[in-house]
Structure formats: C-alpha cells, structure tokens
Amino acid sequence: MDPEMEKTIYSYIILPYALTIFKRDRKQFENFSSAAFPVYMDKLDTVIDTVQKDLNAVKMQIIRTYHLHVKYIGKEHGMVQYKWYLKNDSGDIWIAANDLRNLTKDMMADYLYGPLAVEMVHTRGPRK
C-alpha cells in the first residue's frame, strides 16, 4: 500500500470519530449559559462543517481515486480492526484503542487550532 493511500485510509477511519466527538461537545455547549456561548458555538459549528467536508472529500478519494473499500471489523483485546479491499488485494489494519484515541485527539487539535483550522464563521451576534 502506498503511503498516500495509507494516510487517506487513516483519515477515513479517524475523521468520523472526531466528528462524533465535536457533535457531542456541541450538544453540551447548547446547555451552557455564558456571555462566551456564541463564540464556542460558532467555533464548533465551523469545525464540524470543516470536518464533515473533509470526510466527504476523503470518502470520494477512497472511492474514485483508489477504488477502495474500508470496513470496520470490530474490537478485540484492546485493538480495533479494519479491513481494506481493492479489486485484487486486501489487508487488515489493527490500531490499538489507545492509539486510536490519541490519533483522534491529535486530529481534533489540528482542526481546532492547528494546520487544519479555518477562520471561524461568526453567525451568533455581532463580530467585534
């Protein structure tokens, strides 16, 4: 497997976890009452939109560029297993649950304030 395809597969695996956590956090902030509330919600909305767009792009790349299918198999002995299929090839990806957690955390940080962060879209109140 070439390194670019492997990177795409890992993005395909990790982005849904990050998206789920960001959406869960957004629900938590909906119940939060503070003057800073609109800023947090705007940031989370922007990040959720960006992650969703990137996940859609990765899915398209997996299908159109690599003609690849990736399937979650399950969790066993602290390891998470995925299987990838090409027309004439297949393989397994095993990721330790702890490593998957850390990869997700790192990717979330990249979207919040790292290289994947985009300028926040202000939708809740005036921008000062």
Protein backbone atom coordinates (compact mmCIF):
# COMPACT_ATOMS: atom_id res chain seq x y z
CA MET A 1 0.00 0.00 0.00
CA ASP A 2 1.45 3.37 -0.93
CA PRO A 3 1.88 5.99 1.83
CA GLU A 4 -0.71 8.39 0.39
CA MET A 5 -3.35 5.66 0.29
CA GLU A 6 -2.48 4.67 3.87
CA LYS A 7 -2.80 8.29 5.00
CA THR A 8 -6.20 8.51 3.30
CA ILE A 9 -7.38 5.29 4.97
CA TYR A 10 -6.33 6.57 8.39
CA SER A 11 -8.18 9.84 7.73
CA TYR A 12 -11.22 7.83 6.68
CA ILE A 13 -11.03 5.91 9.97
CA ILE A 14 -10.29 8.83 12.32
CA LEU A 15 -12.44 11.65 10.92
CA PRO A 16 -15.78 10.03 11.90
CA TYR A 17 -14.57 9.69 15.50
CA ALA A 18 -13.53 13.35 15.58
CA LEU A 19 -16.83 14.42 14.01
CA THR A 20 -18.84 12.43 16.56
CA ILE A 21 -16.95 13.98 19.47
CA PHE A 22 -17.31 17.52 18.10
CA LYS A 23 -21.06 16.98 17.64
CA ARG A 24 -21.35 15.60 21.17
CA ASP A 25 -19.45 18.61 22.51
CA ARG A 26 -21.74 20.94 20.57
CA LYS A 27 -24.77 19.40 22.31
CA GLN A 28 -23.07 20.00 25.65
CA PHE A 29 -22.45 23.67 24.79
CA GLU A 30 -26.11 24.14 23.81
CA ASN A 31 -26.92 23.83 27.52
CA PHE A 32 -24.12 26.19 28.52
CA SER A 33 -25.18 29.70 29.52
CA SER A 34 -22.46 32.32 29.27
CA ALA A 35 -21.55 35.52 27.50
CA ALA A 36 -18.93 33.48 25.61
CA PHE A 37 -21.54 30.96 24.46
CA PRO A 38 -21.84 32.31 20.89
CA VAL A 39 -18.08 32.14 20.36
CA TYR A 40 -17.88 28.47 21.38
CA MET A 41 -20.89 27.55 19.28
CA ASP A 42 -19.54 29.40 16.24
CA LYS A 43 -16.16 27.69 16.61
CA LEU A 44 -17.74 24.24 16.98
CA ASP A 45 -20.09 24.83 14.04
CA THR A 46 -17.16 25.91 11.87
CA VAL A 47 -15.06 22.92 12.91
CA ILE A 48 -17.95 20.47 12.41
CA ASP A 49 -18.61 21.85 8.92
CA THR A 50 -14.91 21.62 8.02
CA VAL A 51 -14.51 18.08 9.34
CA GLN A 52 -17.67 16.97 7.50
CA LYS A 53 -16.43 18.48 4.22
CA ASP A 54 -13.04 16.83 4.66
CA LEU A 55 -14.66 13.48 5.48
CA ASN A 56 -16.79 13.73 2.35
CA ALA A 57 -13.67 14.52 0.30
CA VAL A 58 -11.80 11.56 1.81
CA LYS A 59 -14.73 9.24 1.05
CA MET A 60 -14.74 10.43 -2.55
CA GLN A 61 -10.98 9.95 -2.81
CA ILE A 62 -11.25 6.41 -1.42
CA ILE A 63 -13.93 5.55 -3.95
CA ARG A 64 -12.87 7.46 -7.06
CA THR A 65 -9.10 7.54 -6.80
CA TYR A 66 -8.26 4.29 -5.05
CA HIS A 67 -11.41 2.22 -5.77
CA LEU A 68 -11.07 1.06 -2.19
CA HIS A 69 -13.49 -0.27 0.39
CA VAL A 70 -12.73 0.03 4.12
CA LYS A 71 -14.80 -1.86 6.66
CA TYR A 72 -14.84 -1.80 10.45
CA ILE A 73 -14.46 -5.37 11.70
CA GLY A 74 -14.54 -4.92 15.46
CA LYS A 75 -12.61 -4.52 18.67
CA GLU A 76 -10.68 -7.36 20.23
CA HIS A 77 -8.20 -7.36 23.13
CA GLY A 78 -7.83 -3.57 23.07
CA MET A 79 -7.23 -3.50 19.32
CA VAL A 80 -9.59 -2.09 16.70
CA GLN A 81 -9.61 -3.88 13.37
CA TYR A 82 -10.44 -2.54 9.93
CA LYS A 83 -10.24 -4.40 6.64
CA TRP A 84 -9.49 -2.74 3.32
CA TYR A 85 -10.32 -4.21 -0.06
CA LEU A 86 -9.13 -3.44 -3.55
CA LYS A 87 -10.17 -5.34 -6.65
CA ASN A 88 -7.21 -7.73 -6.44
CA ASP A 89 -5.86 -7.09 -2.96
CA SER A 90 -6.92 -6.70 0.66
CA GLY A 91 -5.41 -6.22 4.06
CA ASP A 92 -6.03 -5.60 7.72
CA ILE A 93 -5.37 -2.53 9.78
CA TRP A 94 -5.05 -3.03 13.52
CA ILE A 95 -4.97 0.05 15.72
CA ALA A 96 -4.60 -0.09 19.48
CA ALA A 97 -7.63 1.58 21.07
CA ASN A 98 -5.32 3.91 22.97
CA ASP A 99 -3.52 4.87 19.74
CA LEU A 100 -6.86 5.48 18.03
CA ARG A 101 -7.87 7.75 20.91
CA ASN A 102 -4.58 9.68 20.62
CA LEU A 103 -4.82 9.95 16.82
CA THR A 104 -8.36 11.29 17.18
CA LYS A 105 -7.27 13.78 19.84
CA ASP A 106 -4.39 14.98 17.62
CA MET A 107 -6.66 15.37 14.61
CA MET A 108 -9.19 17.32 16.68
CA ALA A 109 -6.42 19.65 17.85
CA ASP A 110 -5.39 20.18 14.22
CA TYR A 111 -8.94 21.27 13.39
CA LEU A 112 -9.33 23.48 16.44
CA TYR A 113 -6.04 25.40 16.34
CA GLY A 114 -3.56 23.53 14.17
CA PRO A 115 -2.82 23.32 10.46
CA LEU A 116 -6.38 22.24 9.55
CA ALA A 117 -8.07 25.08 11.45
CA VAL A 118 -10.05 27.55 9.35
CA GLU A 119 -11.22 31.01 10.24
CA MET A 120 -14.31 30.87 12.41
CA VAL A 121 -17.59 31.86 10.80
CA HIS A 122 -19.50 34.21 13.11
CA THR A 123 -23.24 33.60 12.97
CA ARG A 124 -24.39 34.33 16.52
CA GLY A 125 -24.21 38.03 17.20
CA PRO A 126 -22.01 40.89 16.10
CA ARG A 127 -18.33 40.39 15.47
CA LYS A 128 -16.17 42.77 17.44
